[in-house]
Amino acid sequence: MSDLINPSKEQFAAFQALPDEGPIHMLNLVRLRAQAAYEDGRAATGADAYKAYARESGPVFERLGGRQHWIGRFDCTLIGPEEERWDLVFIAEYPNPPAFAAMIRDPVYREAVKHRTAAVEESRLIRFKPLTGGKGFGEAL
């Protein structure tokens, strides 16, 4: 089973191999642990650990041109596995793929990610090319 918390080297290489065509959106689906799993054994809830990650990584995200494009509260899954639930659902926007890669490599971010790793039980991170929507479903196809 692949790591459902952090990207593998192969996944990151595939991300970087895609074309750099301007802004990207990253859909984040995050399920938090009830209790964070810090390597050093410190006690914190998953929510508190994720807040520490956001607090410490936020300045790097902003400095590189990132912004939260959309956030919503998960209510239910209408189509998909019934047991799938998400505590955090948001879209982060980056000016381009190199900005996202620079964030991942930034030393301040790399230090902050320990909180995310401790906080997250499972996640999805999906890259999208933003398109202009129309009035109907799938009009941008």
Protein backbone atom coordinates (compact mmCIF):
# COMPACT_ATOMS: atom_id res chain seq x y z
CA MET A 1 0.00 0.00 0.00
CA SER A 2 1.32 3.43 -0.88
CA ASP A 3 1.83 6.17 1.69
CA LEU A 4 -1.44 8.09 1.95
CA ILE A 5 0.11 10.95 3.91
CA ASN A 6 3.14 12.17 1.92
CA PRO A 7 4.01 11.80 -1.79
CA SER A 8 6.55 9.19 -2.84
CA LYS A 9 9.62 10.18 -4.86
CA GLU A 10 7.96 8.60 -7.91
CA GLN A 11 4.74 10.55 -7.42
CA PHE A 12 6.66 13.81 -6.99
CA ALA A 13 8.73 13.07 -10.12
CA ALA A 14 5.51 12.45 -12.11
CA PHE A 15 4.13 15.75 -10.80
CA GLN A 16 7.27 17.59 -11.93
CA ALA A 17 7.23 15.90 -15.36
CA LEU A 18 3.86 17.50 -16.19
CA PRO A 19 3.91 20.71 -18.23
CA ASP A 20 4.34 24.05 -16.49
CA GLU A 21 1.37 25.91 -17.92
CA GLY A 22 0.71 28.52 -15.28
CA PRO A 23 -1.52 28.25 -12.22
CA ILE A 24 -2.42 24.90 -10.69
CA HIS A 25 -5.03 23.92 -8.14
CA MET A 26 -4.31 21.21 -5.59
CA LEU A 27 -7.38 19.47 -4.17
CA ASN A 28 -6.66 18.45 -0.57
CA LEU A 29 -8.77 15.79 1.15
CA VAL A 30 -7.53 15.20 4.68
CA ARG A 31 -8.61 12.78 7.40
CA LEU A 32 -7.05 13.60 10.76
CA ARG A 33 -6.02 11.21 13.49
CA ALA A 34 -7.84 11.60 16.81
CA GLN A 35 -4.42 11.76 18.49
CA ALA A 36 -1.35 12.97 16.60
CA ALA A 37 1.43 10.40 16.07
CA TYR A 38 4.59 12.40 16.69
CA GLU A 39 7.84 10.45 16.48
CA ASP A 40 9.00 12.07 19.73
CA GLY A 41 5.83 10.95 21.52
CA ARG A 42 4.47 14.41 22.34
CA ALA A 43 0.75 14.57 23.03
CA ALA A 44 -1.56 16.56 20.76
CA THR A 45 -4.78 16.01 18.87
CA GLY A 46 -4.59 15.54 15.14
CA ALA A 47 -6.43 18.85 14.73
CA ASP A 48 -3.92 20.69 16.90
CA ALA A 49 -0.97 19.15 15.03
CA TYR A 50 -2.50 20.17 11.69
CA LYS A 51 -3.01 23.71 13.00
CA ALA A 52 0.71 23.79 13.93
CA TYR A 53 1.54 22.65 10.37
CA ALA A 54 -0.65 25.40 8.90
CA ARG A 55 0.81 28.05 11.19
CA GLU A 56 4.43 27.14 10.41
CA SER A 57 4.09 26.37 6.69
CA GLY A 58 1.67 29.23 5.90
CA PRO A 59 4.35 31.93 5.50
CA VAL A 60 6.23 29.76 2.98
CA PHE A 61 3.01 29.05 1.07
CA GLU A 62 2.17 32.77 0.91
CA ARG A 63 5.73 33.85 0.03
CA LEU A 64 5.68 31.53 -2.99
CA GLY A 65 2.37 32.97 -4.22
CA GLY A 66 0.05 30.30 -2.85
CA ARG A 67 -3.46 31.02 -1.66
CA GLN A 68 -6.40 29.02 -0.45
CA HIS A 69 -8.77 29.10 -3.39
CA TRP A 70 -11.70 27.25 -1.81
CA ILE A 71 -12.56 25.47 1.44
CA GLY A 72 -15.64 23.52 2.42
CA ARG A 73 -16.99 21.36 5.20
CA PHE A 74 -17.45 17.70 4.37
CA ASP A 75 -21.03 16.51 4.86
CA CYS A 76 -21.30 13.11 3.15
CA THR A 77 -20.21 11.00 0.20
CA LEU A 78 -23.05 10.63 -2.29
CA ILE A 79 -21.08 8.50 -4.79
CA GLY A 80 -18.12 6.57 -3.46
CA PRO A 81 -17.18 4.42 -0.49
CA GLU A 82 -19.55 5.17 2.39
CA GLU A 83 -16.75 4.90 4.95
CA GLU A 84 -14.76 7.64 3.24
CA ARG A 85 -14.98 10.89 5.21
CA TRP A 86 -12.76 13.96 5.26
CA ASP A 87 -12.07 16.40 8.09
CA LEU A 88 -10.55 19.04 5.78
CA VAL A 89 -11.46 19.69 2.15
CA PHE A 90 -9.83 22.61 0.35
CA ILE A 91 -8.20 23.75 -2.87
CA ALA A 92 -4.83 25.44 -2.70
CA GLU A 93 -3.80 27.53 -5.69
CA TYR A 94 -0.18 27.99 -6.77
CA PRO A 95 1.02 30.38 -9.47
CA ASN A 96 2.78 27.48 -11.21
CA PRO A 97 4.10 23.96 -10.52
CA PRO A 98 7.63 25.19 -9.66
CA ALA A 99 6.13 27.27 -6.79
CA PHE A 100 4.63 24.09 -5.31
CA ALA A 101 7.93 22.23 -5.76
CA ALA A 102 9.82 25.12 -4.13
CA MET A 103 7.48 24.93 -1.14
CA ILE A 104 8.11 21.20 -0.72
CA ARG A 105 11.88 21.81 -0.80
CA ASP A 106 11.88 24.87 1.49
CA PRO A 107 13.69 24.15 4.80
CA VAL A 108 11.02 25.92 6.89
CA TYR A 109 8.29 23.90 5.17
CA ARG A 110 10.26 20.66 5.56
CA GLU A 111 10.45 21.30 9.31
CA ALA A 112 6.72 22.14 9.51
CA VAL A 113 5.66 19.00 7.64
CA LYS A 114 6.41 16.87 10.73
CA HIS A 115 3.17 18.28 12.17
CA ARG A 116 1.21 17.29 9.05
CA THR A 117 2.69 13.80 9.12
CA ALA A 118 1.75 13.42 12.79
CA ALA A 119 -1.74 14.83 12.25
CA VAL A 120 -2.91 13.04 9.11
CA GLU A 121 -4.41 9.56 9.09
CA GLU A 122 -5.06 9.57 5.33
CA SER A 123 -5.14 12.13 2.56
CA ARG A 124 -5.49 12.78 -1.13
CA LEU A 125 -3.62 15.52 -2.97
CA ILE A 126 -4.74 15.91 -6.56
CA ARG A 127 -3.35 18.40 -9.07
CA PHE A 128 -5.72 20.19 -11.45
CA LYS A 129 -5.28 22.65 -14.27
CA PRO A 130 -7.84 25.42 -13.63
CA LEU A 131 -10.35 25.87 -16.44
CA THR A 132 -13.17 28.33 -16.96
CA GLY A 133 -16.51 26.79 -16.05
CA GLY A 134 -19.68 27.04 -18.02
CA LYS A 135 -23.36 26.85 -17.20
CA GLY A 136 -23.66 23.08 -17.49
CA PHE A 137 -21.78 20.06 -16.18
CA GLY A 138 -18.54 19.33 -18.03
CA GLU A 139 -18.79 22.28 -20.43
CA ALA A 140 -15.04 22.89 -20.24
CA LEU A 141 -14.28 19.43 -21.71
